[in-house]
Amino acid sequence: ENLLLLLCSILAIMFPLILVDLGGLGTQGASVLVALPAVCITFGILYMLLLAAAISEKCTRVPALINAMSFGEGTEVSRQQTVDYISSSAAGFYVCDMRLTTGMV
């Protein structure tokens, strides 16, 4: 969570500085071309983190889905063991041993 907070705070500080720098140079768009790759990469990383967080959120629904399915007579114990295993494994995307959620991004 601290790493994501640091990344977001760096972006919040640098983005206005880039805009001020672009306006102050007065080169009529040449500086925009210089900053464009960095801005695209930054937004790409944020988009990737958002998608990973969405997948992590979907992983929390898998045990309920499996528990609602019927696999025939006598499979209740196996189904419950599978649901317990999936719940305890806490599947999802992790950054620095912290589970990535949409609340963090």
PDB file of N, CA and C in Angstrom:
ATOM      1  N   GLU A   1       0.826  -1.181   0.000  1.00  0.00           N
ATOM      2  CA  GLU A   1       0.000   0.000   0.000  1.00  0.00           C
ATOM      3  C   GLU A   1       0.875   1.250   0.000  1.00  0.00           C
ATOM      4  N   ASN A   2       1.985   1.198   0.724  1.00  0.00           N
ATOM      5  CA  ASN A   2       2.875   2.356   0.776  1.00  0.00           C
ATOM      6  C   ASN A   2       3.511   2.620  -0.576  1.00  0.00           C
ATOM      7  N   LEU A   3       3.836   1.536  -1.299  1.00  0.00           N
ATOM      8  CA  LEU A   3       4.439   1.698  -2.619  1.00  0.00           C
ATOM      9  C   LEU A   3       3.466   2.362  -3.587  1.00  0.00           C
ATOM     10  N   LEU A   4       2.211   1.936  -3.556  1.00  0.00           N
ATOM     11  CA  LEU A   4       1.208   2.548  -4.426  1.00  0.00           C
ATOM     12  C   LEU A   4       0.929   3.995  -4.026  1.00  0.00           C
ATOM     13  N   LEU A   5       0.925   4.248  -2.733  1.00  0.00           N
ATOM     14  CA  LEU A   5       0.729   5.614  -2.267  1.00  0.00           C
ATOM     15  C   LEU A   5       1.879   6.505  -2.711  1.00  0.00           C
ATOM     16  N   LEU A   6       3.100   5.974  -2.646  1.00  0.00           N
ATOM     17  CA  LEU A   6       4.263   6.725  -3.105  1.00  0.00           C
ATOM     18  C   LEU A   6       4.179   7.001  -4.599  1.00  0.00           C
ATOM     19  N   LEU A   7       3.789   5.984  -5.385  1.00  0.00           N
ATOM     20  CA  LEU A   7       3.661   6.156  -6.833  1.00  0.00           C
ATOM     21  C   LEU A   7       2.617   7.214  -7.175  1.00  0.00           C
ATOM     22  N   CYS A   8       1.483   7.150  -6.516  1.00  0.00           N
ATOM     23  CA  CYS A   8       0.422   8.133  -6.793  1.00  0.00           C
ATOM     24  C   CYS A   8       0.829   9.540  -6.375  1.00  0.00           C
ATOM     25  N   SER A   9       1.542   9.667  -5.260  1.00  0.00           N
ATOM     26  CA  SER A   9       1.960  10.999  -4.834  1.00  0.00           C
ATOM     27  C   SER A   9       3.018  11.568  -5.773  1.00  0.00           C
ATOM     28  N   ILE A  10       3.913  10.721  -6.275  1.00  0.00           N
ATOM     29  CA  ILE A  10       4.905  11.190  -7.246  1.00  0.00           C
ATOM     30  C   ILE A  10       4.211  11.665  -8.515  1.00  0.00           C
ATOM     31  N   LEU A  11       3.218  10.899  -8.971  1.00  0.00           N
ATOM     32  CA  LEU A  11       2.483  11.302 -10.170  1.00  0.00           C
ATOM     33  C   LEU A  11       1.714  12.599  -9.948  1.00  0.00           C
ATOM     34  N   ALA A  12       1.144  12.743  -8.756  1.00  0.00           N
ATOM     35  CA  ALA A  12       0.382  13.959  -8.463  1.00  0.00           C
ATOM     36  C   ALA A  12       1.282  15.184  -8.420  1.00  0.00           C
ATOM     37  N   ILE A  13       2.522  15.003  -8.016  1.00  0.00           N
ATOM     38  CA  ILE A  13       3.459  16.131  -7.978  1.00  0.00           C
ATOM     39  C   ILE A  13       4.044  16.410  -9.354  1.00  0.00           C
ATOM     40  N   MET A  14       4.403  15.354 -10.079  1.00  0.00           N
ATOM     41  CA  MET A  14       5.121  15.537 -11.338  1.00  0.00           C
ATOM     42  C   MET A  14       4.232  15.982 -12.489  1.00  0.00           C
ATOM     43  N   PHE A  15       2.986  15.541 -12.522  1.00  0.00           N
ATOM     44  CA  PHE A  15       2.131  15.874 -13.657  1.00  0.00           C
ATOM     45  C   PHE A  15       1.912  17.380 -13.799  1.00  0.00           C
ATOM     46  N   PRO A  16       1.577  18.118 -12.716  1.00  0.00           N
ATOM     47  CA  PRO A  16       1.467  19.582 -12.887  1.00  0.00           C
ATOM     48  C   PRO A  16       2.803  20.238 -13.242  1.00  0.00           C
ATOM     49  N   LEU A  17       3.900  19.693 -12.715  1.00  0.00           N
ATOM     50  CA  LEU A  17       5.206  20.260 -13.044  1.00  0.00           C
ATOM     51  C   LEU A  17       5.532  20.092 -14.521  1.00  0.00           C
ATOM     52  N   ILE A  18       5.145  18.953 -15.074  1.00  0.00           N
ATOM     53  CA  ILE A  18       5.363  18.723 -16.506  1.00  0.00           C
ATOM     54  C   ILE A  18       4.552  19.723 -17.318  1.00  0.00           C
ATOM     55  N   LEU A  19       3.304  19.966 -16.902  1.00  0.00           N
ATOM     56  CA  LEU A  19       2.471  20.921 -17.629  1.00  0.00           C
ATOM     57  C   LEU A  19       3.024  22.338 -17.535  1.00  0.00           C
ATOM     58  N   VAL A  20       3.517  22.719 -16.358  1.00  0.00           N
ATOM     59  CA  VAL A  20       4.101  24.047 -16.194  1.00  0.00           C
ATOM     60  C   VAL A  20       5.365  24.161 -17.035  1.00  0.00           C
ATOM     61  N   ASP A  21       6.167  23.096 -17.033  1.00  0.00           N
ATOM     62  CA  ASP A  21       7.400  23.100 -17.808  1.00  0.00           C
ATOM     63  C   ASP A  21       7.098  23.207 -19.301  1.00  0.00           C
ATOM     64  N   LEU A  22       6.073  22.515 -19.747  1.00  0.00           N
ATOM     65  CA  LEU A  22       5.724  22.559 -21.161  1.00  0.00           C
ATOM     66  C   LEU A  22       5.263  23.946 -21.575  1.00  0.00           C
ATOM     67  N   GLY A  23       4.538  24.626 -20.692  1.00  0.00           N
ATOM     68  CA  GLY A  23       4.069  25.960 -21.010  1.00  0.00           C
ATOM     69  C   GLY A  23       5.178  26.994 -20.921  1.00  0.00           C
ATOM     70  N   GLY A  24       6.135  26.773 -20.039  1.00  0.00           N
ATOM     71  CA  GLY A  24       7.192  27.740 -19.823  1.00  0.00           C
ATOM     72  C   GLY A  24       8.292  27.699 -20.864  1.00  0.00           C
ATOM     73  N   LEU A  25       8.445  26.607 -21.553  1.00  0.00           N
ATOM     74  CA  LEU A  25       9.531  26.516 -22.526  1.00  0.00           C
ATOM     75  C   LEU A  25       9.262  27.344 -23.776  1.00  0.00           C
ATOM     76  N   GLY A  26       8.023  27.442 -24.139  1.00  0.00           N
ATOM     77  CA  GLY A  26       7.664  28.264 -25.285  1.00  0.00           C
ATOM     78  C   GLY A  26       8.180  27.737 -26.611  1.00  0.00           C
ATOM     79  N   THR A  27       8.371  26.430 -26.715  1.00  0.00           N
ATOM     80  CA  THR A  27       8.889  25.864 -27.967  1.00  0.00           C
ATOM     81  C   THR A  27       7.771  25.379 -28.872  1.00  0.00           C
ATOM     82  N   GLN A  28       6.559  25.722 -28.538  1.00  0.00           N
ATOM     83  CA  GLN A  28       5.402  25.456 -29.396  1.00  0.00           C
ATOM     84  C   GLN A  28       5.220  23.985 -29.748  1.00  0.00           C
ATOM     85  N   GLY A  29       5.267  23.115 -28.754  1.00  0.00           N
ATOM     86  CA  GLY A  29       4.933  21.720 -28.995  1.00  0.00           C
ATOM     87  C   GLY A  29       6.111  20.787 -29.054  1.00  0.00           C
ATOM     88  N   ALA A  30       7.322  21.277 -29.185  1.00  0.00           N
ATOM     89  CA  ALA A  30       8.475  20.375 -29.221  1.00  0.00           C
ATOM     90  C   ALA A  30       8.672  19.702 -27.875  1.00  0.00           C
ATOM     91  N   SER A  31       8.402  20.418 -26.783  1.00  0.00           N
ATOM     92  CA  SER A  31       8.554  19.828 -25.460  1.00  0.00           C
ATOM     93  C   SER A  31       7.428  18.837 -25.163  1.00  0.00           C
ATOM     94  N   VAL A  32       6.281  19.010 -25.811  1.00  0.00           N
ATOM     95  CA  VAL A  32       5.189  18.050 -25.644  1.00  0.00           C
ATOM     96  C   VAL A  32       5.612  16.695 -26.191  1.00  0.00           C
ATOM     97  N   LEU A  33       6.296  16.697 -27.289  1.00  0.00           N
ATOM     98  CA  LEU A  33       6.771  15.438 -27.862  1.00  0.00           C
ATOM     99  C   LEU A  33       7.801  14.761 -26.977  1.00  0.00           C
ATOM    100  N   VAL A  34       8.567  15.535 -26.241  1.00  0.00           N
ATOM    101  CA  VAL A  34       9.562  14.968 -25.335  1.00  0.00           C
ATOM    102  C   VAL A  34       8.874  14.321 -24.135  1.00  0.00           C
ATOM    103  N   ALA A  35       7.838  14.927 -23.596  1.00  0.00           N
ATOM    104  CA  ALA A  35       7.171  14.428 -22.395  1.00  0.00           C
ATOM    105  C   ALA A  35       6.110  13.385 -22.698  1.00  0.00           C
ATOM    106  N   LEU A  36       5.674  13.268 -23.920  1.00  0.00           N
ATOM    107  CA  LEU A  36       4.589  12.355 -24.266  1.00  0.00           C
ATOM    108  C   LEU A  36       4.887  10.897 -23.920  1.00  0.00           C
ATOM    109  N   PRO A  37       6.069  10.343 -24.198  1.00  0.00           N
ATOM    110  CA  PRO A  37       6.322   8.942 -23.824  1.00  0.00           C
ATOM    111  C   PRO A  37       6.224   8.705 -22.319  1.00  0.00           C
ATOM    112  N   ALA A  38       6.746   9.615 -21.520  1.00  0.00           N
ATOM    113  CA  ALA A  38       6.690   9.449 -20.063  1.00  0.00           C
ATOM    114  C   ALA A  38       5.254   9.476 -19.566  1.00  0.00           C
ATOM    115  N   VAL A  39       4.455  10.362 -20.125  1.00  0.00           N
ATOM    116  CA  VAL A  39       3.049  10.447 -19.711  1.00  0.00           C
ATOM    117  C   VAL A  39       2.293   9.187 -20.133  1.00  0.00           C
ATOM    118  N   CYS A  40       2.558   8.693 -21.321  1.00  0.00           N
ATOM    119  CA  CYS A  40       1.895   7.470 -21.797  1.00  0.00           C
ATOM    120  C   CYS A  40       2.286   6.270 -20.954  1.00  0.00           C
ATOM    121  N   ILE A  41       3.551   6.152 -20.605  1.00  0.00           N
ATOM    122  CA  ILE A  41       4.002   5.039 -19.769  1.00  0.00           C
ATOM    123  C   ILE A  41       3.373   5.124 -18.385  1.00  0.00           C
ATOM    124  N   THR A  42       3.298   6.311 -17.823  1.00  0.00           N
ATOM    125  CA  THR A  42       2.710   6.490 -16.500  1.00  0.00           C
ATOM    126  C   THR A  42       1.243   6.093 -16.487  1.00  0.00           C
ATOM    127  N   PHE A  43       0.489   6.555 -17.473  1.00  0.00           N
ATOM    128  CA  PHE A  43      -0.920   6.174 -17.533  1.00  0.00           C
ATOM    129  C   PHE A  43      -1.094   4.690 -17.843  1.00  0.00           C
ATOM    130  N   GLY A  44      -0.181   4.117 -18.617  1.00  0.00           N
ATOM    131  CA  GLY A  44      -0.225   2.679 -18.881  1.00  0.00           C
ATOM    132  C   GLY A  44      -0.011   1.859 -17.626  1.00  0.00           C
ATOM    133  N   ILE A  45       0.921   2.288 -16.778  1.00  0.00           N
ATOM    134  CA  ILE A  45       1.170   1.583 -15.513  1.00  0.00           C
ATOM    135  C   ILE A  45      -0.036   1.695 -14.599  1.00  0.00           C
ATOM    136  N   LEU A  46      -0.627   2.867 -14.520  1.00  0.00           N
ATOM    137  CA  LEU A  46      -1.821   3.031 -13.684  1.00  0.00           C
ATOM    138  C   LEU A  46      -2.988   2.189 -14.191  1.00  0.00           C
ATOM    139  N   TYR A  47      -3.140   2.116 -15.506  1.00  0.00           N
ATOM    140  CA  TYR A  47      -4.206   1.295 -16.090  1.00  0.00           C
ATOM    141  C   TYR A  47      -3.957  -0.182 -15.792  1.00  0.00           C
ATOM    142  N   MET A  48      -2.702  -0.624 -15.889  1.00  0.00           N
ATOM    143  CA  MET A  48      -2.359  -2.010 -15.598  1.00  0.00           C
ATOM    144  C   MET A  48      -2.642  -2.343 -14.129  1.00  0.00           C
ATOM    145  N   LEU A  49      -2.304  -1.432 -13.218  1.00  0.00           N
ATOM    146  CA  LEU A  49      -2.588  -1.654 -11.803  1.00  0.00           C
ATOM    147  C   LEU A  49      -4.085  -1.710 -11.538  1.00  0.00           C
ATOM    148  N   LEU A  50      -4.845  -0.896 -12.236  1.00  0.00           N
ATOM    149  CA  LEU A  50      -6.304  -0.916 -12.070  1.00  0.00           C
ATOM    150  C   LEU A  50      -6.896  -2.235 -12.546  1.00  0.00           C
ATOM    151  N   LEU A  51      -6.413  -2.749 -13.683  1.00  0.00           N
ATOM    152  CA  LEU A  51      -6.907  -4.038 -14.178  1.00  0.00           C
ATOM    153  C   LEU A  51      -6.515  -5.178 -13.239  1.00  0.00           C
ATOM    154  N   ALA A  52      -5.295  -5.150 -12.721  1.00  0.00           N
ATOM    155  CA  ALA A  52      -4.855  -6.186 -11.785  1.00  0.00           C
ATOM    156  C   ALA A  52      -5.689  -6.141 -10.509  1.00  0.00           C
ATOM    157  N   ALA A  53      -6.017  -4.950 -10.038  1.00  0.00           N
ATOM    158  CA  ALA A  53      -6.854  -4.823  -8.848  1.00  0.00           C
ATOM    159  C   ALA A  53      -8.261  -5.347  -9.102  1.00  0.00           C
ATOM    160  N   ALA A  54      -8.785  -5.127 -10.288  1.00  0.00           N
ATOM    161  CA  ALA A  54     -10.117  -5.644 -10.623  1.00  0.00           C
ATOM    162  C   ALA A  54     -10.123  -7.170 -10.641  1.00  0.00           C
ATOM    163  N   ILE A  55      -9.043  -7.771 -11.140  1.00  0.00           N
ATOM    164  CA  ILE A  55      -8.949  -9.234 -11.142  1.00  0.00           C
ATOM    165  C   ILE A  55      -8.850  -9.758  -9.718  1.00  0.00           C
ATOM    166  N   SER A  56      -8.098  -9.068  -8.868  1.00  0.00           N
ATOM    167  CA  SER A  56      -7.998  -9.475  -7.461  1.00  0.00           C
ATOM    168  C   SER A  56      -9.360  -9.434  -6.779  1.00  0.00           C
ATOM    169  N   GLU A  57     -10.155  -8.435  -7.115  1.00  0.00           N
ATOM    170  CA  GLU A  57     -11.502  -8.350  -6.541  1.00  0.00           C
ATOM    171  C   GLU A  57     -12.384  -9.504  -7.023  1.00  0.00           C
ATOM    172  N   LYS A  58     -12.221  -9.902  -8.272  1.00  0.00           N
ATOM    173  CA  LYS A  58     -13.014 -11.018  -8.796  1.00  0.00           C
ATOM    174  C   LYS A  58     -12.607 -12.339  -8.152  1.00  0.00           C
ATOM    175  N   CYS A  59     -11.353 -12.459  -7.748  1.00  0.00           N
ATOM    176  CA  CYS A  59     -10.880 -13.691  -7.104  1.00  0.00           C
ATOM    177  C   CYS A  59     -11.576 -13.926  -5.765  1.00  0.00           C
ATOM    178  N   THR A  60     -12.059 -12.877  -5.128  1.00  0.00           N
ATOM    179  CA  THR A  60     -12.743 -13.052  -3.842  1.00  0.00           C
ATOM    180  C   THR A  60     -14.115 -13.689  -4.023  1.00  0.00           C
ATOM    181  N   ARG A  61     -14.659 -13.681  -5.232  1.00  0.00           N
ATOM    182  CA  ARG A  61     -15.993 -14.238  -5.482  1.00  0.00           C
ATOM    183  C   ARG A  61     -15.970 -15.702  -5.887  1.00  0.00           C
ATOM    184  N   VAL A  62     -14.806 -16.238  -6.179  1.00  0.00           N
ATOM    185  CA  VAL A  62     -14.713 -17.617  -6.664  1.00  0.00           C
ATOM    186  C   VAL A  62     -15.194 -18.632  -5.622  1.00  0.00           C
ATOM    187  N   PRO A  63     -14.816 -18.529  -4.333  1.00  0.00           N
ATOM    188  CA  PRO A  63     -15.326 -19.524  -3.369  1.00  0.00           C
ATOM    189  C   PRO A  63     -16.849 -19.572  -3.290  1.00  0.00           C
ATOM    190  N   ALA A  64     -17.505 -18.428  -3.349  1.00  0.00           N
ATOM    191  CA  ALA A  64     -18.967 -18.419  -3.308  1.00  0.00           C
ATOM    192  C   ALA A  64     -19.557 -19.072  -4.550  1.00  0.00           C
ATOM    193  N   LEU A  65     -18.923 -18.874  -5.697  1.00  0.00           N
ATOM    194  CA  LEU A  65     -19.389 -19.490  -6.940  1.00  0.00           C
ATOM    195  C   LEU A  65     -19.281 -21.007  -6.869  1.00  0.00           C
ATOM    196  N   ILE A  66     -18.139 -21.501  -6.410  1.00  0.00           N
ATOM    197  CA  ILE A  66     -17.950 -22.959  -6.320  1.00  0.00           C
ATOM    198  C   ILE A  66     -18.881 -23.550  -5.278  1.00  0.00           C
ATOM    199  N   ASN A  67     -19.098 -22.844  -4.181  1.00  0.00           N
ATOM    200  CA  ASN A  67     -19.978 -23.351  -3.131  1.00  0.00           C
ATOM    201  C   ASN A  67     -21.430 -23.427  -3.606  1.00  0.00           C
ATOM    202  N   ALA A  68     -21.809 -22.600  -4.550  1.00  0.00           N
ATOM    203  CA  ALA A  68     -23.188 -22.605  -5.057  1.00  0.00           C
ATOM    204  C   ALA A  68     -23.420 -23.699  -6.092  1.00  0.00           C
ATOM    205  N   MET A  69     -22.353 -24.275  -6.630  1.00  0.00           N
ATOM    206  CA  MET A  69     -22.498 -25.309  -7.656  1.00  0.00           C
ATOM    207  C   MET A  69     -22.830 -26.670  -7.030  1.00  0.00           C
ATOM    208  N   SER A  70     -23.483 -27.484  -7.817  1.00  0.00           N
ATOM    209  CA  SER A  70     -23.802 -28.840  -7.380  1.00  0.00           C
ATOM    210  C   SER A  70     -23.010 -29.821  -8.234  1.00  0.00           C
ATOM    211  N   PHE A  71     -22.230 -30.679  -7.561  1.00  0.00           N
ATOM    212  CA  PHE A  71     -21.412 -31.654  -8.266  1.00  0.00           C
ATOM    213  C   PHE A  71     -21.905 -33.082  -8.055  1.00  0.00           C
ATOM    214  N   GLY A  72     -23.110 -33.244  -7.559  1.00  0.00           N
ATOM    215  CA  GLY A  72     -23.681 -34.573  -7.366  1.00  0.00           C
ATOM    216  C   GLY A  72     -23.688 -34.986  -5.901  1.00  0.00           C
ATOM    217  N   GLU A  73     -24.257 -36.152  -5.662  1.00  0.00           N
ATOM    218  CA  GLU A  73     -24.372 -36.675  -4.294  1.00  0.00           C
ATOM    219  C   GLU A  73     -23.009 -37.040  -3.727  1.00  0.00           C
ATOM    220  N   GLY A  74     -22.807 -36.750  -2.474  1.00  0.00           N
ATOM    221  CA  GLY A  74     -21.601 -37.161  -1.772  1.00  0.00           C
ATOM    222  C   GLY A  74     -20.373 -36.308  -2.044  1.00  0.00           C
ATOM    223  N   THR A  75     -20.529 -35.156  -2.683  1.00  0.00           N
ATOM    224  CA  THR A  75     -19.361 -34.310  -2.974  1.00  0.00           C
ATOM    225  C   THR A  75     -19.331 -33.059  -2.101  1.00  0.00           C
ATOM    226  N   GLU A  76     -20.206 -33.010  -1.085  1.00  0.00           N
ATOM    227  CA  GLU A  76     -20.276 -31.811  -0.253  1.00  0.00           C
ATOM    228  C   GLU A  76     -18.979 -31.573   0.516  1.00  0.00           C
ATOM    229  N   VAL A  77     -18.389 -32.660   1.030  1.00  0.00           N
ATOM    230  CA  VAL A  77     -17.159 -32.514   1.817  1.00  0.00           C
ATOM    231  C   VAL A  77     -16.010 -32.059   0.917  1.00  0.00           C
ATOM    232  N   SER A  78     -15.893 -32.662  -0.256  1.00  0.00           N
ATOM    233  CA  SER A  78     -14.832 -32.266  -1.192  1.00  0.00           C
ATOM    234  C   SER A  78     -15.022 -30.828  -1.657  1.00  0.00           C
ATOM    235  N   ARG A  79     -16.269 -30.456  -1.900  1.00  0.00           N
ATOM    236  CA  ARG A  79     -16.550 -29.089  -2.326  1.00  0.00           C
ATOM    237  C   ARG A  79     -16.185 -28.095  -1.225  1.00  0.00           C
ATOM    238  N   GLN A  80     -16.516 -28.435   0.023  1.00  0.00           N
ATOM    239  CA  GLN A  80     -16.190 -27.540   1.143  1.00  0.00           C
ATOM    240  C   GLN A  80     -14.683 -27.441   1.344  1.00  0.00           C
ATOM    241  N   GLN A  81     -13.964 -28.545   1.150  1.00  0.00           N
ATOM    242  CA  GLN A  81     -12.506 -28.499   1.257  1.00  0.00           C
ATOM    243  C   GLN A  81     -11.905 -27.629   0.157  1.00  0.00           C
ATOM    244  N   THR A  82     -12.464 -27.709  -1.031  1.00  0.00           N
ATOM    245  CA  THR A  82     -11.985 -26.885  -2.140  1.00  0.00           C
ATOM    246  C   THR A  82     -12.247 -25.414  -1.875  1.00  0.00           C
ATOM    247  N   VAL A  83     -13.432 -25.098  -1.376  1.00  0.00           N
ATOM    248  CA  VAL A  83     -13.772 -23.711  -1.051  1.00  0.00           C
ATOM    249  C   VAL A  83     -12.856 -23.185   0.054  1.00  0.00           C
ATOM    250  N   ASP A  84     -12.596 -23.994   1.075  1.00  0.00           N
ATOM    251  CA  ASP A  84     -11.692 -23.574   2.149  1.00  0.00           C
ATOM    252  C   ASP A  84     -10.281 -23.344   1.629  1.00  0.00           C
ATOM    253  N   TYR A  85      -9.822 -24.208   0.723  1.00  0.00           N
ATOM    254  CA  TYR A  85      -8.480 -24.057   0.160  1.00  0.00           C
ATOM    255  C   TYR A  85      -8.366 -22.768  -0.653  1.00  0.00           C
ATOM    256  N   ILE A  86      -9.373 -22.501  -1.483  1.00  0.00           N
ATOM    257  CA  ILE A  86      -9.343 -21.285  -2.300  1.00  0.00           C
ATOM    258  C   ILE A  86      -9.417 -20.043  -1.410  1.00  0.00           C
ATOM    259  N   SER A  87     -10.236 -20.093  -0.382  1.00  0.00           N
ATOM    260  CA  SER A  87     -10.356 -18.942   0.521  1.00  0.00           C
ATOM    261  C   SER A  87      -9.061 -18.681   1.274  1.00  0.00           C
ATOM    262  N   SER A  88      -8.409 -19.746   1.731  1.00  0.00           N
ATOM    263  CA  SER A  88      -7.178 -19.558   2.504  1.00  0.00           C
ATOM    264  C   SER A  88      -5.982 -19.202   1.628  1.00  0.00           C
ATOM    265  N   SER A  89      -6.044 -19.505   0.329  1.00  0.00           N
ATOM    266  CA  SER A  89      -4.922 -19.176  -0.548  1.00  0.00           C
ATOM    267  C   SER A  89      -4.886 -17.692  -0.902  1.00  0.00           C
ATOM    268  N   ALA A  90      -6.011 -16.997  -0.768  1.00  0.00           N
ATOM    269  CA  ALA A  90      -6.109 -15.551  -1.032  1.00  0.00           C
ATOM    270  C   ALA A  90      -5.522 -15.203  -2.394  1.00  0.00           C
ATOM    271  N   ALA A  91      -6.095 -15.782  -3.426  1.00  0.00           N
ATOM    272  CA  ALA A  91      -5.603 -15.542  -4.783  1.00  0.00           C
ATOM    273  C   ALA A  91      -5.805 -14.090  -5.180  1.00  0.00           C
ATOM    274  N   GLY A  92      -4.909 -13.593  -6.006  1.00  0.00           N
ATOM    275  CA  GLY A  92      -4.971 -12.223  -6.489  1.00  0.00           C
ATOM    276  C   GLY A  92      -3.580 -11.722  -6.816  1.00  0.00           C
ATOM    277  N   PHE A  93      -3.488 -10.457  -7.160  1.00  0.00           N
ATOM    278  CA  PHE A  93      -2.206  -9.846  -7.481  1.00  0.00           C
ATOM    279  C   PHE A  93      -1.648  -9.167  -6.237  1.00  0.00           C
ATOM    280  N   TYR A  94      -0.355  -9.360  -6.017  1.00  0.00           N
ATOM    281  CA  TYR A  94       0.309  -8.807  -4.845  1.00  0.00           C
ATOM    282  C   TYR A  94       1.450  -7.891  -5.272  1.00  0.00           C
ATOM    283  N   VAL A  95       1.606  -6.779  -4.557  1.00  0.00           N
ATOM    284  CA  VAL A  95       2.723  -5.856  -4.747  1.00  0.00           C
ATOM    285  C   VAL A  95       3.378  -5.685  -3.384  1.00  0.00           C
ATOM    286  N   CYS A  96       4.629  -6.108  -3.276  1.00  0.00           N
ATOM    287  CA  CYS A  96       5.375  -6.039  -2.004  1.00  0.00           C
ATOM    288  C   CYS A  96       4.596  -6.716  -0.879  1.00  0.00           C
ATOM    289  N   ASP A  97       4.119  -7.923  -1.137  1.00  0.00           N
ATOM    290  CA  ASP A  97       3.367  -8.746  -0.178  1.00  0.00           C
ATOM    291  C   ASP A  97       2.074  -8.102   0.305  1.00  0.00           C
ATOM    292  N   MET A  98       1.553  -7.166  -0.440  1.00  0.00           N
ATOM    293  CA  MET A  98       0.255  -6.560  -0.127  1.00  0.00           C
ATOM    294  C   MET A  98      -0.680  -6.848  -1.292  1.00  0.00           C
ATOM    295  N   ARG A  99      -1.866  -7.344  -0.959  1.00  0.00           N
ATOM    296  CA  ARG A  99      -2.836  -7.667  -1.999  1.00  0.00           C
ATOM    297  C   ARG A  99      -3.349  -6.392  -2.642  1.00  0.00           C
ATOM    298  N   LEU A 100      -3.306  -6.390  -3.976  1.00  0.00           N
ATOM    299  CA  LEU A 100      -3.735  -5.217  -4.744  1.00  0.00           C
ATOM    300  C   LEU A 100      -5.249  -5.226  -4.865  1.00  0.00           C
ATOM    301  N   THR A 101      -5.897  -4.171  -4.384  1.00  0.00           N
ATOM    302  CA  THR A 101      -7.354  -4.042  -4.468  1.00  0.00           C
ATOM    303  C   THR A 101      -7.708  -2.726  -5.145  1.00  0.00           C
ATOM    304  N   THR A 102      -8.950  -2.616  -5.538  1.00  0.00           N
ATOM    305  CA  THR A 102      -9.373  -1.387  -6.216  1.00  0.00           C
ATOM    306  C   THR A 102      -9.366  -0.203  -5.266  1.00  0.00           C
ATOM    307  N   GLY A 103      -9.466  -0.448  -3.981  1.00  0.00           N
ATOM    308  CA  GLY A 103      -9.391   0.634  -3.001  1.00  0.00           C
ATOM    309  C   GLY A 103      -8.005   1.243  -2.909  1.00  0.00           C
ATOM    310  N   MET A 104      -6.996   0.480  -3.279  1.00  0.00           N
ATOM    311  CA  MET A 104      -5.621   0.984  -3.232  1.00  0.00           C
ATOM    312  C   MET A 104      -5.278   1.800  -4.466  1.00  0.00           C
ATOM    313  N   VAL A 105      -5.891   1.465  -5.594  1.00  0.00           N
ATOM    314  CA  VAL A 105      -5.587   2.163  -6.840  1.00  0.00           C
ATOM    315  C   VAL A 105      -6.547   3.281  -6.966  1.00  0.00           C
TER     316      VAL A 105
END
